[in-house]
Amino acid sequence: MTMIAMTYGANGGFAINPARDLGPRIFTLIVGYGWETFSAYNYYFWIPLVAPFIGAILGAWIYKILVGMHGLNEDLDITGGKPYPREDRGYKGSSVSSIRPMA
């Protein structure tokens, strides 16, 4: 976040997500600056609104192609065992009543 803020903060107003950009623009519209807050820099306000969704879709596809398709295709067989809640509470080989206090 620090690197993004240092590189894009001065020229983009740190507009990396809609919460950082749209809220202040709506506030300045209400305060009285007018619609210039939305038309500034050739209507730059729509980029932080749309870019996170495009980036999420591209990031998911890139992950799927580079990592997901090369993973192991293992099938886990889950069979047997008592249904939950189990009586042993996860302690194997001993029960709570068989634990002796230290002398």
PDB file of N, CA and C in Angstrom:
ATOM      1  N   MET A   1       0.817  -1.181   0.000  1.00  0.00           N
ATOM      2  CA  MET A   1       0.000   0.000   0.000  1.00  0.00           C
ATOM      3  C   MET A   1       0.870   1.257   0.000  1.00  0.00           C
ATOM      4  N   THR A   2       1.964   1.206   0.706  1.00  0.00           N
ATOM      5  CA  THR A   2       2.839   2.374   0.746  1.00  0.00           C
ATOM      6  C   THR A   2       3.412   2.666  -0.629  1.00  0.00           C
ATOM      7  N   MET A   3       3.834   1.631  -1.335  1.00  0.00           N
ATOM      8  CA  MET A   3       4.404   1.827  -2.666  1.00  0.00           C
ATOM      9  C   MET A   3       3.349   2.379  -3.629  1.00  0.00           C
ATOM     10  N   ILE A   4       2.131   1.868  -3.557  1.00  0.00           N
ATOM     11  CA  ILE A   4       1.068   2.381  -4.415  1.00  0.00           C
ATOM     12  C   ILE A   4       0.779   3.834  -4.075  1.00  0.00           C
ATOM     13  N   ALA A   5       0.753   4.152  -2.795  1.00  0.00           N
ATOM     14  CA  ALA A   5       0.487   5.531  -2.380  1.00  0.00           C
ATOM     15  C   ALA A   5       1.585   6.479  -2.842  1.00  0.00           C
ATOM     16  N   MET A   6       2.830   6.032  -2.774  1.00  0.00           N
ATOM     17  CA  MET A   6       3.926   6.905  -3.190  1.00  0.00           C
ATOM     18  C   MET A   6       3.978   7.081  -4.705  1.00  0.00           C
ATOM     19  N   THR A   7       3.592   6.063  -5.467  1.00  0.00           N
ATOM     20  CA  THR A   7       3.685   6.187  -6.910  1.00  0.00           C
ATOM     21  C   THR A   7       2.469   6.846  -7.541  1.00  0.00           C
ATOM     22  N   TYR A   8       1.276   6.487  -7.076  1.00  0.00           N
ATOM     23  CA  TYR A   8       0.064   7.010  -7.696  1.00  0.00           C
ATOM     24  C   TYR A   8      -0.638   8.083  -6.879  1.00  0.00           C
ATOM     25  N   GLY A   9      -0.149   8.364  -5.692  1.00  0.00           N
ATOM     26  CA  GLY A   9      -0.821   9.324  -4.822  1.00  0.00           C
ATOM     27  C   GLY A   9      -0.829  10.738  -5.353  1.00  0.00           C
ATOM     28  N   ALA A  10       0.258  11.179  -5.917  1.00  0.00           N
ATOM     29  CA  ALA A  10       0.351  12.578  -6.367  1.00  0.00           C
ATOM     30  C   ALA A  10      -0.466  12.830  -7.630  1.00  0.00           C
ATOM     31  N   ASN A  11      -0.417  11.923  -8.575  1.00  0.00           N
ATOM     32  CA  ASN A  11      -1.111  12.186  -9.836  1.00  0.00           C
ATOM     33  C   ASN A  11      -2.517  11.599  -9.901  1.00  0.00           C
ATOM     34  N   GLY A  12      -2.852  10.659  -9.051  1.00  0.00           N
ATOM     35  CA  GLY A  12      -4.178  10.059  -9.100  1.00  0.00           C
ATOM     36  C   GLY A  12      -5.011  10.301  -7.861  1.00  0.00           C
ATOM     37  N   GLY A  13      -4.462  11.007  -6.889  1.00  0.00           N
ATOM     38  CA  GLY A  13      -5.206  11.258  -5.677  1.00  0.00           C
ATOM     39  C   GLY A  13      -5.432  10.015  -4.836  1.00  0.00           C
ATOM     40  N   PHE A  14      -4.561   9.041  -4.963  1.00  0.00           N
ATOM     41  CA  PHE A  14      -4.643   7.780  -4.228  1.00  0.00           C
ATOM     42  C   PHE A  14      -5.974   7.082  -4.486  1.00  0.00           C
ATOM     43  N   ALA A  15      -6.450   7.168  -5.679  1.00  0.00           N
ATOM     44  CA  ALA A  15      -7.738   6.574  -6.034  1.00  0.00           C
ATOM     45  C   ALA A  15      -7.544   5.134  -6.480  1.00  0.00           C
ATOM     46  N   ILE A  16      -7.307   4.244  -5.530  1.00  0.00           N
ATOM     47  CA  ILE A  16      -7.097   2.847  -5.875  1.00  0.00           C
ATOM     48  C   ILE A  16      -8.323   1.997  -5.601  1.00  0.00           C
ATOM     49  N   ASN A  17      -9.325   2.549  -4.954  1.00  0.00           N
ATOM     50  CA  ASN A  17     -10.586   1.840  -4.772  1.00  0.00           C
ATOM     51  C   ASN A  17     -11.712   2.859  -4.645  1.00  0.00           C
ATOM     52  N   PRO A  18     -12.945   2.450  -4.851  1.00  0.00           N
ATOM     53  CA  PRO A  18     -14.054   3.409  -4.815  1.00  0.00           C
ATOM     54  C   PRO A  18     -14.235   4.080  -3.460  1.00  0.00           C
ATOM     55  N   ALA A  19     -13.902   3.408  -2.386  1.00  0.00           N
ATOM     56  CA  ALA A  19     -14.089   4.001  -1.064  1.00  0.00           C
ATOM     57  C   ALA A  19     -13.147   5.189  -0.844  1.00  0.00           C
ATOM     58  N   ARG A  20     -11.964   5.140  -1.434  1.00  0.00           N
ATOM     59  CA  ARG A  20     -11.025   6.252  -1.275  1.00  0.00           C
ATOM     60  C   ARG A  20     -11.317   7.395  -2.226  1.00  0.00           C
ATOM     61  N   ASP A  21     -12.072   7.188  -3.271  1.00  0.00           N
ATOM     62  CA  ASP A  21     -12.259   8.211  -4.280  1.00  0.00           C
ATOM     63  C   ASP A  21     -13.688   8.726  -4.362  1.00  0.00           C
ATOM     64  N   LEU A  22     -14.660   7.840  -4.347  1.00  0.00           N
ATOM     65  CA  LEU A  22     -16.036   8.263  -4.573  1.00  0.00           C
ATOM     66  C   LEU A  22     -16.610   9.038  -3.382  1.00  0.00           C
ATOM     67  N   GLY A  23     -16.313   8.611  -2.178  1.00  0.00           N
ATOM     68  CA  GLY A  23     -16.815   9.303  -0.990  1.00  0.00           C
ATOM     69  C   GLY A  23     -16.396  10.762  -0.919  1.00  0.00           C
ATOM     70  N   PRO A  24     -15.113  11.074  -1.060  1.00  0.00           N
ATOM     71  CA  PRO A  24     -14.717  12.483  -1.060  1.00  0.00           C
ATOM     72  C   PRO A  24     -15.306  13.288  -2.213  1.00  0.00           C
ATOM     73  N   ARG A  25     -15.489  12.667  -3.352  1.00  0.00           N
ATOM     74  CA  ARG A  25     -16.108  13.392  -4.479  1.00  0.00           C
ATOM     75  C   ARG A  25     -17.566  13.726  -4.179  1.00  0.00           C
ATOM     76  N   ILE A  26     -18.294  12.795  -3.613  1.00  0.00           N
ATOM     77  CA  ILE A  26     -19.687  13.077  -3.245  1.00  0.00           C
ATOM     78  C   ILE A  26     -19.745  14.144  -2.160  1.00  0.00           C
ATOM     79  N   PHE A  27     -18.829  14.085  -1.200  1.00  0.00           N
ATOM     80  CA  PHE A  27     -18.786  15.102  -0.150  1.00  0.00           C
ATOM     81  C   PHE A  27     -18.522  16.492  -0.722  1.00  0.00           C
ATOM     82  N   THR A  28     -17.562  16.602  -1.629  1.00  0.00           N
ATOM     83  CA  THR A  28     -17.281  17.913  -2.215  1.00  0.00           C
ATOM     84  C   THR A  28     -18.438  18.399  -3.085  1.00  0.00           C
ATOM     85  N   LEU A  29     -19.181  17.485  -3.677  1.00  0.00           N
ATOM     86  CA  LEU A  29     -20.378  17.871  -4.423  1.00  0.00           C
ATOM     87  C   LEU A  29     -21.433  18.451  -3.470  1.00  0.00           C
ATOM     88  N   ILE A  30     -21.630  17.815  -2.327  1.00  0.00           N
ATOM     89  CA  ILE A  30     -22.613  18.284  -1.355  1.00  0.00           C
ATOM     90  C   ILE A  30     -22.192  19.602  -0.734  1.00  0.00           C
ATOM     91  N   VAL A  31     -20.902  19.761  -0.467  1.00  0.00           N
ATOM     92  CA  VAL A  31     -20.408  20.985   0.181  1.00  0.00           C
ATOM     93  C   VAL A  31     -20.574  22.197  -0.719  1.00  0.00           C
ATOM     94  N   GLY A  32     -20.508  22.002  -2.014  1.00  0.00           N
ATOM     95  CA  GLY A  32     -20.752  23.132  -2.890  1.00  0.00           C
ATOM     96  C   GLY A  32     -19.748  23.356  -3.994  1.00  0.00           C
ATOM     97  N   TYR A  33     -18.874  22.414  -4.213  1.00  0.00           N
ATOM     98  CA  TYR A  33     -17.901  22.567  -5.295  1.00  0.00           C
ATOM     99  C   TYR A  33     -18.512  22.295  -6.659  1.00  0.00           C
ATOM    100  N   GLY A  34     -19.684  21.697  -6.678  1.00  0.00           N
ATOM    101  CA  GLY A  34     -20.373  21.471  -7.943  1.00  0.00           C
ATOM    102  C   GLY A  34     -19.946  20.192  -8.629  1.00  0.00           C
ATOM    103  N   TRP A  35     -20.432  20.033  -9.863  1.00  0.00           N
ATOM    104  CA  TRP A  35     -20.180  18.822 -10.629  1.00  0.00           C
ATOM    105  C   TRP A  35     -18.773  18.772 -11.212  1.00  0.00           C
ATOM    106  N   GLU A  36     -17.972  19.803 -10.969  1.00  0.00           N
ATOM    107  CA  GLU A  36     -16.585  19.785 -11.466  1.00  0.00           C
ATOM    108  C   GLU A  36     -15.769  18.682 -10.806  1.00  0.00           C
ATOM    109  N   THR A  37     -16.197  18.242  -9.624  1.00  0.00           N
ATOM    110  CA  THR A  37     -15.464  17.151  -8.976  1.00  0.00           C
ATOM    111  C   THR A  37     -15.559  15.853  -9.773  1.00  0.00           C
ATOM    112  N   PHE A  38     -16.637  15.692 -10.533  1.00  0.00           N
ATOM    113  CA  PHE A  38     -16.789  14.481 -11.348  1.00  0.00           C
ATOM    114  C   PHE A  38     -16.271  14.672 -12.771  1.00  0.00           C
ATOM    115  N   SER A  39     -16.239  15.879 -13.248  1.00  0.00           N
ATOM    116  CA  SER A  39     -15.759  16.095 -14.612  1.00  0.00           C
ATOM    117  C   SER A  39     -14.283  16.471 -14.677  1.00  0.00           C
ATOM    118  N   ALA A  40     -13.630  16.551 -13.557  1.00  0.00           N
ATOM    119  CA  ALA A  40     -12.208  16.920 -13.538  1.00  0.00           C
ATOM    120  C   ALA A  40     -11.360  15.845 -14.204  1.00  0.00           C
ATOM    121  N   TYR A  41     -10.314  16.252 -14.851  1.00  0.00           N
ATOM    122  CA  TYR A  41      -9.340  15.363 -15.529  1.00  0.00           C
ATOM    123  C   TYR A  41     -10.043  14.404 -16.491  1.00  0.00           C
ATOM    124  N   ASN A  42     -10.905  14.935 -17.321  1.00  0.00           N
ATOM    125  CA  ASN A  42     -11.607  14.148 -18.338  1.00  0.00           C
ATOM    126  C   ASN A  42     -12.397  12.982 -17.731  1.00  0.00           C
ATOM    127  N   TYR A  43     -13.151  13.263 -16.694  1.00  0.00           N
ATOM    128  CA  TYR A  43     -14.013  12.287 -16.019  1.00  0.00           C
ATOM    129  C   TYR A  43     -13.216  11.095 -15.486  1.00  0.00           C
ATOM    130  N   TYR A  44     -12.162  11.408 -14.743  1.00  0.00           N
ATOM    131  CA  TYR A  44     -11.291  10.384 -14.175  1.00  0.00           C
ATOM    132  C   TYR A  44     -11.987   9.570 -13.096  1.00  0.00           C
ATOM    133  N   PHE A  45     -13.090  10.050 -12.540  1.00  0.00           N
ATOM    134  CA  PHE A  45     -13.716   9.401 -11.393  1.00  0.00           C
ATOM    135  C   PHE A  45     -14.190   7.978 -11.694  1.00  0.00           C
ATOM    136  N   TRP A  46     -14.497   7.663 -12.934  1.00  0.00           N
ATOM    137  CA  TRP A  46     -15.038   6.349 -13.241  1.00  0.00           C
ATOM    138  C   TRP A  46     -13.973   5.253 -13.235  1.00  0.00           C
ATOM    139  N   ILE A  47     -12.704   5.619 -13.351  1.00  0.00           N
ATOM    140  CA  ILE A  47     -11.628   4.616 -13.369  1.00  0.00           C
ATOM    141  C   ILE A  47     -11.531   3.868 -12.042  1.00  0.00           C
ATOM    142  N   PRO A  48     -11.527   4.558 -10.872  1.00  0.00           N
ATOM    143  CA  PRO A  48     -11.506   3.789  -9.621  1.00  0.00           C
ATOM    144  C   PRO A  48     -12.781   2.998  -9.367  1.00  0.00           C
ATOM    145  N   LEU A  49     -13.855   3.326 -10.057  1.00  0.00           N
ATOM    146  CA  LEU A  49     -15.083   2.552  -9.898  1.00  0.00           C
ATOM    147  C   LEU A  49     -15.065   1.264 -10.709  1.00  0.00           C
ATOM    148  N   VAL A  50     -14.465   1.289 -11.878  1.00  0.00           N
ATOM    149  CA  VAL A  50     -14.496   0.148 -12.789  1.00  0.00           C
ATOM    150  C   VAL A  50     -13.224  -0.701 -12.689  1.00  0.00           C
ATOM    151  N   ALA A  51     -12.091  -0.083 -12.487  1.00  0.00           N
ATOM    152  CA  ALA A  51     -10.811  -0.795 -12.516  1.00  0.00           C
ATOM    153  C   ALA A  51     -10.701  -1.924 -11.491  1.00  0.00           C
ATOM    154  N   PRO A  52     -11.192  -1.790 -10.246  1.00  0.00           N
ATOM    155  CA  PRO A  52     -11.078  -2.935  -9.328  1.00  0.00           C
ATOM    156  C   PRO A  52     -11.809  -4.179  -9.805  1.00  0.00           C
ATOM    157  N   PHE A  53     -12.949  -4.005 -10.469  1.00  0.00           N
ATOM    158  CA  PHE A  53     -13.674  -5.171 -10.969  1.00  0.00           C
ATOM    159  C   PHE A  53     -12.936  -5.826 -12.133  1.00  0.00           C
ATOM    160  N   ILE A  54     -12.399  -5.016 -13.022  1.00  0.00           N
ATOM    161  CA  ILE A  54     -11.623  -5.562 -14.139  1.00  0.00           C
ATOM    162  C   ILE A  54     -10.360  -6.234 -13.619  1.00  0.00           C
ATOM    163  N   GLY A  55      -9.700  -5.604 -12.653  1.00  0.00           N
ATOM    164  CA  GLY A  55      -8.492  -6.188 -12.071  1.00  0.00           C
ATOM    165  C   GLY A  55      -8.764  -7.486 -11.339  1.00  0.00           C
ATOM    166  N   ALA A  56      -9.903  -7.583 -10.669  1.00  0.00           N
ATOM    167  CA  ALA A  56     -10.243  -8.823  -9.974  1.00  0.00           C
ATOM    168  C   ALA A  56     -10.479  -9.961 -10.958  1.00  0.00           C
ATOM    169  N   ILE A  57     -11.171  -9.672 -12.039  1.00  0.00           N
ATOM    170  CA  ILE A  57     -11.432 -10.707 -13.044  1.00  0.00           C
ATOM    171  C   ILE A  57     -10.130 -11.135 -13.718  1.00  0.00           C
ATOM    172  N   LEU A  58      -9.306 -10.165 -14.099  1.00  0.00           N
ATOM    173  CA  LEU A  58      -8.019 -10.504 -14.714  1.00  0.00           C
ATOM    174  C   LEU A  58      -7.118 -11.257 -13.744  1.00  0.00           C
ATOM    175  N   GLY A  59      -7.089 -10.826 -12.487  1.00  0.00           N
ATOM    176  CA  GLY A  59      -6.274 -11.512 -11.487  1.00  0.00           C
ATOM    177  C   GLY A  59      -6.719 -12.943 -11.259  1.00  0.00           C
ATOM    178  N   ALA A  60      -8.020 -13.175 -11.250  1.00  0.00           N
ATOM    179  CA  ALA A  60      -8.525 -14.540 -11.071  1.00  0.00           C
ATOM    180  C   ALA A  60      -8.149 -15.421 -12.258  1.00  0.00           C
ATOM    181  N   TRP A  61      -8.255 -14.885 -13.463  1.00  0.00           N
ATOM    182  CA  TRP A  61      -7.888 -15.668 -14.643  1.00  0.00           C
ATOM    183  C   TRP A  61      -6.389 -15.939 -14.696  1.00  0.00           C
ATOM    184  N   ILE A  62      -5.597 -14.943 -14.359  1.00  0.00           N
ATOM    185  CA  ILE A  62      -4.139 -15.141 -14.357  1.00  0.00           C
ATOM    186  C   ILE A  62      -3.745 -16.180 -13.316  1.00  0.00           C
ATOM    187  N   TYR A  63      -4.366 -16.118 -12.138  1.00  0.00           N
ATOM    188  CA  TYR A  63      -4.081 -17.131 -11.117  1.00  0.00           C
ATOM    189  C   TYR A  63      -4.480 -18.511 -11.598  1.00  0.00           C
ATOM    190  N   LYS A  64      -5.648 -18.599 -12.195  1.00  0.00           N
ATOM    191  CA  LYS A  64      -6.130 -19.900 -12.674  1.00  0.00           C
ATOM    192  C   LYS A  64      -5.198 -20.477 -13.726  1.00  0.00           C
ATOM    193  N   ILE A  65      -4.701 -19.630 -14.623  1.00  0.00           N
ATOM    194  CA  ILE A  65      -3.823 -20.110 -15.686  1.00  0.00           C
ATOM    195  C   ILE A  65      -2.436 -20.465 -15.149  1.00  0.00           C
ATOM    196  N   LEU A  66      -1.849 -19.613 -14.320  1.00  0.00           N
ATOM    197  CA  LEU A  66      -0.470 -19.824 -13.891  1.00  0.00           C
ATOM    198  C   LEU A  66      -0.327 -20.777 -12.714  1.00  0.00           C
ATOM    199  N   VAL A  67      -1.318 -20.813 -11.822  1.00  0.00           N
ATOM    200  CA  VAL A  67      -1.186 -21.631 -10.621  1.00  0.00           C
ATOM    201  C   VAL A  67      -2.225 -22.743 -10.574  1.00  0.00           C
ATOM    202  N   GLY A  68      -3.479 -22.395 -10.770  1.00  0.00           N
ATOM    203  CA  GLY A  68      -4.560 -23.347 -10.575  1.00  0.00           C
ATOM    204  C   GLY A  68      -4.534 -24.529 -11.505  1.00  0.00           C
ATOM    205  N   MET A  69      -4.152 -24.332 -12.742  1.00  0.00           N
ATOM    206  CA  MET A  69      -4.150 -25.434 -13.697  1.00  0.00           C
ATOM    207  C   MET A  69      -2.973 -26.378 -13.502  1.00  0.00           C
ATOM    208  N   HIS A  70      -1.973 -25.972 -12.749  1.00  0.00           N
ATOM    209  CA  HIS A  70      -0.783 -26.789 -12.560  1.00  0.00           C
ATOM    210  C   HIS A  70      -0.752 -27.472 -11.199  1.00  0.00           C
ATOM    211  N   GLY A  71      -1.811 -27.328 -10.437  1.00  0.00           N
ATOM    212  CA  GLY A  71      -1.866 -27.964  -9.124  1.00  0.00           C
ATOM    213  C   GLY A  71      -2.172 -29.442  -9.229  1.00  0.00           C
ATOM    214  N   LEU A  72      -2.111 -30.099  -8.090  1.00  0.00           N
ATOM    215  CA  LEU A  72      -2.395 -31.522  -8.049  1.00  0.00           C
ATOM    216  C   LEU A  72      -3.900 -31.735  -8.051  1.00  0.00           C
ATOM    217  N   ASN A  73      -4.332 -32.728  -8.780  1.00  0.00           N
ATOM    218  CA  ASN A  73      -5.744 -33.085  -8.807  1.00  0.00           C
ATOM    219  C   ASN A  73      -5.950 -34.299  -7.910  1.00  0.00           C
ATOM    220  N   GLU A  74      -6.015 -34.061  -6.617  1.00  0.00           N
ATOM    221  CA  GLU A  74      -6.174 -35.144  -5.664  1.00  0.00           C
ATOM    222  C   GLU A  74      -7.622 -35.231  -5.223  1.00  0.00           C
ATOM    223  N   ASP A  75      -8.106 -36.461  -5.103  1.00  0.00           N
ATOM    224  CA  ASP A  75      -9.421 -36.698  -4.543  1.00  0.00           C
ATOM    225  C   ASP A  75      -9.238 -37.242  -3.144  1.00  0.00           C
ATOM    226  N   LEU A  76      -9.870 -36.623  -2.179  1.00  0.00           N
ATOM    227  CA  LEU A  76      -9.773 -37.072  -0.804  1.00  0.00           C
ATOM    228  C   LEU A  76     -10.997 -37.901  -0.474  1.00  0.00           C
ATOM    229  N   ASP A  77     -10.764 -39.123   0.025  1.00  0.00           N
ATOM    230  CA  ASP A  77     -11.860 -39.980   0.437  1.00  0.00           C
ATOM    231  C   ASP A  77     -12.108 -39.771   1.924  1.00  0.00           C
ATOM    232  N   ILE A  78     -13.270 -39.303   2.246  1.00  0.00           N
ATOM    233  CA  ILE A  78     -13.641 -39.089   3.646  1.00  0.00           C
ATOM    234  C   ILE A  78     -14.660 -40.158   3.995  1.00  0.00           C
ATOM    235  N   THR A  79     -14.200 -41.152   4.763  1.00  0.00           N
ATOM    236  CA  THR A  79     -15.073 -42.263   5.122  1.00  0.00           C
ATOM    237  C   THR A  79     -14.908 -42.596   6.582  1.00  0.00           C
ATOM    238  N   GLY A  80     -15.896 -43.253   7.116  1.00  0.00           N
ATOM    239  CA  GLY A  80     -15.821 -43.792   8.460  1.00  0.00           C
ATOM    240  C   GLY A  80     -15.791 -42.728   9.539  1.00  0.00           C
ATOM    241  N   GLY A  81     -15.602 -43.194  10.744  1.00  0.00           N
ATOM    242  CA  GLY A  81     -15.537 -42.294  11.881  1.00  0.00           C
ATOM    243  C   GLY A  81     -16.904 -42.017  12.471  1.00  0.00           C
ATOM    244  N   LYS A  82     -16.894 -41.568  13.714  1.00  0.00           N
ATOM    245  CA  LYS A  82     -18.133 -41.242  14.395  1.00  0.00           C
ATOM    246  C   LYS A  82     -18.649 -39.896  13.909  1.00  0.00           C
ATOM    247  N   PRO A  83     -19.944 -39.724  13.898  1.00  0.00           N
ATOM    248  CA  PRO A  83     -20.465 -38.398  13.547  1.00  0.00           C
ATOM    249  C   PRO A  83     -20.186 -37.393  14.656  1.00  0.00           C
ATOM    250  N   TYR A  84     -20.140 -36.167  14.297  1.00  0.00           N
ATOM    251  CA  TYR A  84     -19.884 -35.122  15.278  1.00  0.00           C
ATOM    252  C   TYR A  84     -21.119 -34.857  16.082  1.00  0.00           C
ATOM    253  N   PRO A  85     -21.048 -34.446  17.317  1.00  0.00           N
ATOM    254  CA  PRO A  85     -19.840 -34.198  18.102  1.00  0.00           C
ATOM    255  C   PRO A  85     -19.257 -35.498  18.639  1.00  0.00           C
ATOM    256  N   ARG A  86     -17.975 -35.615  18.549  1.00  0.00           N
ATOM    257  CA  ARG A  86     -17.299 -36.814  19.025  1.00  0.00           C
ATOM    258  C   ARG A  86     -17.155 -36.742  20.538  1.00  0.00           C
ATOM    259  N   GLU A  87     -17.041 -37.901  21.129  1.00  0.00           N
ATOM    260  CA  GLU A  87     -16.921 -37.952  22.591  1.00  0.00           C
ATOM    261  C   GLU A  87     -15.510 -37.632  23.060  1.00  0.00           C
ATOM    262  N   ASP A  88     -14.496 -37.913  22.241  1.00  0.00           N
ATOM    263  CA  ASP A  88     -13.120 -37.727  22.701  1.00  0.00           C
ATOM    264  C   ASP A  88     -12.637 -36.292  22.583  1.00  0.00           C
ATOM    265  N   ARG A  89     -13.399 -35.419  21.951  1.00  0.00           N
ATOM    266  CA  ARG A  89     -13.069 -34.001  21.804  1.00  0.00           C
ATOM    267  C   ARG A  89     -11.709 -33.777  21.152  1.00  0.00           C
ATOM    268  N   GLY A  90     -11.220 -34.739  20.373  1.00  0.00           N
ATOM    269  CA  GLY A  90      -9.980 -34.560  19.645  1.00  0.00           C
ATOM    270  C   GLY A  90      -8.753 -35.101  20.335  1.00  0.00           C
ATOM    271  N   TYR A  91      -8.891 -35.562  21.589  1.00  0.00           N
ATOM    272  CA  TYR A  91      -7.746 -36.112  22.303  1.00  0.00           C
ATOM    273  C   TYR A  91      -7.652 -37.590  21.986  1.00  0.00           C
ATOM    274  N   LYS A  92      -6.566 -38.002  21.388  1.00  0.00           N
ATOM    275  CA  LYS A  92      -6.435 -39.382  20.944  1.00  0.00           C
ATOM    276  C   LYS A  92      -5.732 -40.218  22.014  1.00  0.00           C
ATOM    277  N   GLY A  93      -6.291 -41.379  22.292  1.00  0.00           N
ATOM    278  CA  GLY A  93      -5.632 -42.325  23.175  1.00  0.00           C
ATOM    279  C   GLY A  93      -5.897 -42.096  24.646  1.00  0.00           C
ATOM    280  N   SER A  94      -6.539 -41.047  25.035  1.00  0.00           N
ATOM    281  CA  SER A  94      -6.813 -40.833  26.452  1.00  0.00           C
ATOM    282  C   SER A  94      -8.117 -40.072  26.596  1.00  0.00           C
ATOM    283  N   SER A  95      -8.698 -40.250  27.731  1.00  0.00           N
ATOM    284  CA  SER A  95      -9.904 -39.479  28.036  1.00  0.00           C
ATOM    285  C   SER A  95      -9.566 -38.499  29.135  1.00  0.00           C
ATOM    286  N   VAL A  96     -10.421 -37.546  29.334  1.00  0.00           N
ATOM    287  CA  VAL A  96     -10.154 -36.513  30.331  1.00  0.00           C
ATOM    288  C   VAL A  96     -10.163 -37.086  31.732  1.00  0.00           C
ATOM    289  N   SER A  97     -10.971 -38.112  31.977  1.00  0.00           N
ATOM    290  CA  SER A  97     -11.056 -38.686  33.328  1.00  0.00           C
ATOM    291  C   SER A  97      -9.816 -39.484  33.692  1.00  0.00           C
ATOM    292  N   SER A  98      -9.012 -39.933  32.725  1.00  0.00           N
ATOM    293  CA  SER A  98      -7.841 -40.733  33.034  1.00  0.00           C
ATOM    294  C   SER A  98      -6.593 -39.876  33.280  1.00  0.00           C
ATOM    295  N   ILE A  99      -6.690 -38.577  33.186  1.00  0.00           N
ATOM    296  CA  ILE A  99      -5.539 -37.709  33.446  1.00  0.00           C
ATOM    297  C   ILE A  99      -5.421 -37.502  34.945  1.00  0.00           C
ATOM    298  N   ARG A 100      -4.237 -37.816  35.479  1.00  0.00           N
ATOM    299  CA  ARG A 100      -4.013 -37.693  36.919  1.00  0.00           C
ATOM    300  C   ARG A 100      -3.355 -36.350  37.222  1.00  0.00           C
ATOM    301  N   PRO A 101      -3.748 -35.731  38.328  1.00  0.00           N
ATOM    302  CA  PRO A 101      -3.079 -34.481  38.717  1.00  0.00           C
ATOM    303  C   PRO A 101      -1.632 -34.725  39.109  1.00  0.00           C
ATOM    304  N   MET A 102      -0.800 -33.717  38.911  1.00  0.00           N
ATOM    305  CA  MET A 102       0.627 -33.846  39.266  1.00  0.00           C
ATOM    306  C   MET A 102       0.785 -33.725  40.759  1.00  0.00           C
ATOM    307  N   ALA A 103       1.671 -34.544  41.342  1.00  0.00           N
ATOM    308  CA  ALA A 103       1.889 -34.527  42.783  1.00  0.00           C
ATOM    309  C   ALA A 103       2.997 -33.590  43.174  1.00  0.00           C
TER     310      ALA A 103
END
